[in-house]
C-alpha atoms as a PDB file:
ATOM      1  CA  MET A   1      -4.988  -9.864  13.039  1.00  0.00           C
ATOM      2  CA  ILE A   2      -5.750 -11.074   9.566  1.00  0.00           C
ATOM      3  CA  LEU A   3      -1.956 -11.300   8.454  1.00  0.00           C
ATOM      4  CA  THR A   4      -1.386 -13.674  11.418  1.00  0.00           C
ATOM      5  CA  GLU A   5      -4.489 -15.673  11.134  1.00  0.00           C
ATOM      6  CA  GLU A   6      -4.797 -16.106   7.400  1.00  0.00           C
ATOM      7  CA  ASN A   7      -1.129 -15.795   6.399  1.00  0.00           C
ATOM      8  CA  PRO A   8      -1.916 -14.602   2.786  1.00  0.00           C
ATOM      9  CA  ASP A   9       0.832 -14.276   0.127  1.00  0.00           C
ATOM     10  CA  ILE A  10      -0.595 -10.873  -0.838  1.00  0.00           C
ATOM     11  CA  LEU A  11      -3.188  -8.729   0.866  1.00  0.00           C
ATOM     12  CA  CYS A  12      -4.546  -5.481  -0.905  1.00  0.00           C
ATOM     13  CA  LEU A  13      -6.436  -2.946   1.128  1.00  0.00           C
ATOM     14  CA  ASN A  14      -8.387   0.116  -0.003  1.00  0.00           C
ATOM     15  CA  GLU A  15      -9.678   3.150   1.953  1.00  0.00           C
ATOM     16  CA  THR A  16      -6.681   3.043   4.318  1.00  0.00           C
ATOM     17  CA  LYS A  17      -7.390   6.590   5.238  1.00  0.00           C
ATOM     18  CA  ILE A  18      -3.761   7.275   6.578  1.00  0.00           C
ATOM     19  CA  ASP A  19      -1.644  10.124   5.423  1.00  0.00           C
ATOM     20  CA  GLU A  20       2.095   9.744   4.957  1.00  0.00           C
ATOM     21  CA  ALA A  21       3.062  11.673   8.171  1.00  0.00           C
ATOM     22  CA  LYS A  22       0.913   9.559  10.240  1.00  0.00           C
ATOM     23  CA  LEU A  23       2.148   6.299   8.461  1.00  0.00           C
ATOM     24  CA  LYS A  24       5.686   7.198   9.391  1.00  0.00           C
ATOM     25  CA  GLU A  25       4.838   8.394  12.992  1.00  0.00           C
ATOM     26  CA  ALA A  26       2.928   5.039  13.490  1.00  0.00           C
ATOM     27  CA  LYS A  27       5.765   2.953  11.979  1.00  0.00           C
ATOM     28  CA  LEU A  28       3.178   0.604  10.589  1.00  0.00           C
ATOM     29  CA  HIS A  29       5.706  -0.686   8.067  1.00  0.00           C
ATOM     30  CA  LYS A  30       7.862  -2.128  10.732  1.00  0.00           C
ATOM     31  CA  MET A  31       5.130  -4.244  12.278  1.00  0.00           C
ATOM     32  CA  TRP A  32       5.433  -6.895   9.458  1.00  0.00           C
ATOM     33  CA  GLU A  33       8.924  -6.233   8.070  1.00  0.00           C
ATOM     34  CA  ASN A  34      10.087  -9.761   8.610  1.00  0.00           C
ATOM     35  CA  ASN A  35       7.195 -11.454   6.610  1.00  0.00           C
ATOM     36  CA  TYR A  36       5.667  -8.792   4.378  1.00  0.00           C
ATOM     37  CA  GLY A  37       6.989  -5.890   2.375  1.00  0.00           C
ATOM     38  CA  THR A  38       4.428  -3.014   2.796  1.00  0.00           C
ATOM     39  CA  TYR A  39       3.545  -0.451   0.148  1.00  0.00           C
ATOM     40  CA  TRP A  40       1.310   2.480   0.530  1.00  0.00           C
ATOM     41  CA  ASN A  41      -0.254   5.100  -1.670  1.00  0.00           C
ATOM     42  CA  CYS A  42      -1.685   7.790   0.432  1.00  0.00           C
ATOM     43  CA  CYS A  43      -3.996  10.772  -0.600  1.00  0.00           C
ATOM     44  CA  GLN A  44      -1.807  13.749  -1.094  1.00  0.00           C
ATOM     45  CA  THR A  45      -4.578  16.428  -0.935  1.00  0.00           C
ATOM     46  CA  LYS A  46      -6.728  15.514   2.197  1.00  0.00           C
ATOM     47  CA  ALA A  47      -5.555  13.850   5.372  1.00  0.00           C
ATOM     48  CA  GLY A  48      -7.468  10.889   6.462  1.00  0.00           C
ATOM     49  CA  TYR A  49      -8.938  10.452   3.064  1.00  0.00           C
ATOM     50  CA  SER A  50      -8.823   7.420   0.599  1.00  0.00           C
ATOM     51  CA  GLY A  51      -5.620   5.491   0.222  1.00  0.00           C
ATOM     52  CA  VAL A  52      -4.414   1.900  -0.595  1.00  0.00           C
ATOM     53  CA  ALA A  53      -1.883  -0.571   0.643  1.00  0.00           C
ATOM     54  CA  ILE A  54      -0.332  -3.818  -0.367  1.00  0.00           C
ATOM     55  CA  PHE A  55       1.230  -6.377   1.980  1.00  0.00           C
ATOM     56  CA  THR A  56       3.353  -8.959   0.133  1.00  0.00           C
ATOM     57  CA  LYS A  57       5.611 -11.731   0.801  1.00  0.00           C
ATOM     58  CA  TYR A  58       7.155 -11.350  -2.625  1.00  0.00           C
ATOM     59  CA  LYS A  59       9.343  -8.563  -3.858  1.00  0.00           C
ATOM     60  CA  PRO A  60       7.845  -6.713  -6.750  1.00  0.00           C
ATOM     61  CA  ILE A  61       9.640  -6.209  -9.949  1.00  0.00           C
ATOM     62  CA  SER A  62       8.097  -2.698 -10.316  1.00  0.00           C
ATOM     63  CA  ILE A  63       5.636  -0.338  -8.439  1.00  0.00           C
ATOM     64  CA  ILE A  64       3.495   2.273  -9.974  1.00  0.00           C
ATOM     65  CA  HIS A  65       1.677   4.783  -7.891  1.00  0.00           C
ATOM     66  CA  GLY A  66      -1.392   5.934  -9.671  1.00  0.00           C
ATOM     67  CA  ILE A  67      -2.490   6.100 -13.493  1.00  0.00           C
ATOM     68  CA  GLY A  68      -0.545   9.017 -14.556  1.00  0.00           C
ATOM     69  CA  VAL A  69      -3.531  11.670 -14.324  1.00  0.00           C
ATOM     70  CA  ALA A  70      -2.731  14.019 -11.479  1.00  0.00           C
ATOM     71  CA  ARG A  71      -6.261  14.994 -10.595  1.00  0.00           C
ATOM     72  CA  HIS A  72      -6.889  11.356  -9.822  1.00  0.00           C
ATOM     73  CA  ASP A  73      -3.544  10.284  -8.588  1.00  0.00           C
ATOM     74  CA  ASP A  74      -3.535  12.750  -5.796  1.00  0.00           C
ATOM     75  CA  GLU A  75      -6.133  10.724  -4.056  1.00  0.00           C
ATOM     76  CA  GLY A  76      -3.943   7.624  -3.688  1.00  0.00           C
ATOM     77  CA  ARG A  77      -6.439   5.148  -5.110  1.00  0.00           C
ATOM     78  CA  VAL A  78      -4.142   3.073  -7.309  1.00  0.00           C
ATOM     79  CA  LEU A  79      -1.133   1.040  -6.577  1.00  0.00           C
ATOM     80  CA  THR A  80       0.100  -1.389  -9.236  1.00  0.00           C
ATOM     81  CA  MET A  81       2.792  -4.001  -8.688  1.00  0.00           C
ATOM     82  CA  GLU A  82       4.500  -6.239 -11.439  1.00  0.00           C
ATOM     83  CA  PHE A  83       5.656  -9.750 -10.122  1.00  0.00           C
ATOM     84  CA  GLU A  84       7.446 -12.267 -12.201  1.00  0.00           C
ATOM     85  CA  THR A  85       4.180 -14.033 -13.441  1.00  0.00           C
ATOM     86  CA  PHE A  86       1.482 -11.481 -12.781  1.00  0.00           C
ATOM     87  CA  ILE A  87       0.546  -7.954 -12.271  1.00  0.00           C
END
């Protein structure tokens, strides 16, 4: 698995294609809970479509889902995180 092999500080993924119900069912967030915080933005309009995720060793100061435009944000394509020295 890339997290184990590469050990990145932060890993960003797009086109995760998982909806919130399946994400909770699969308990993916628990697979890396000791090393990584996992944050997801899933498509709200179509199951198995688009979506993004961020795996990080650092706790973000803030997390913003979307860009504030409902017709775009429903697809779960943007997840912005603010850290102490970068966004």
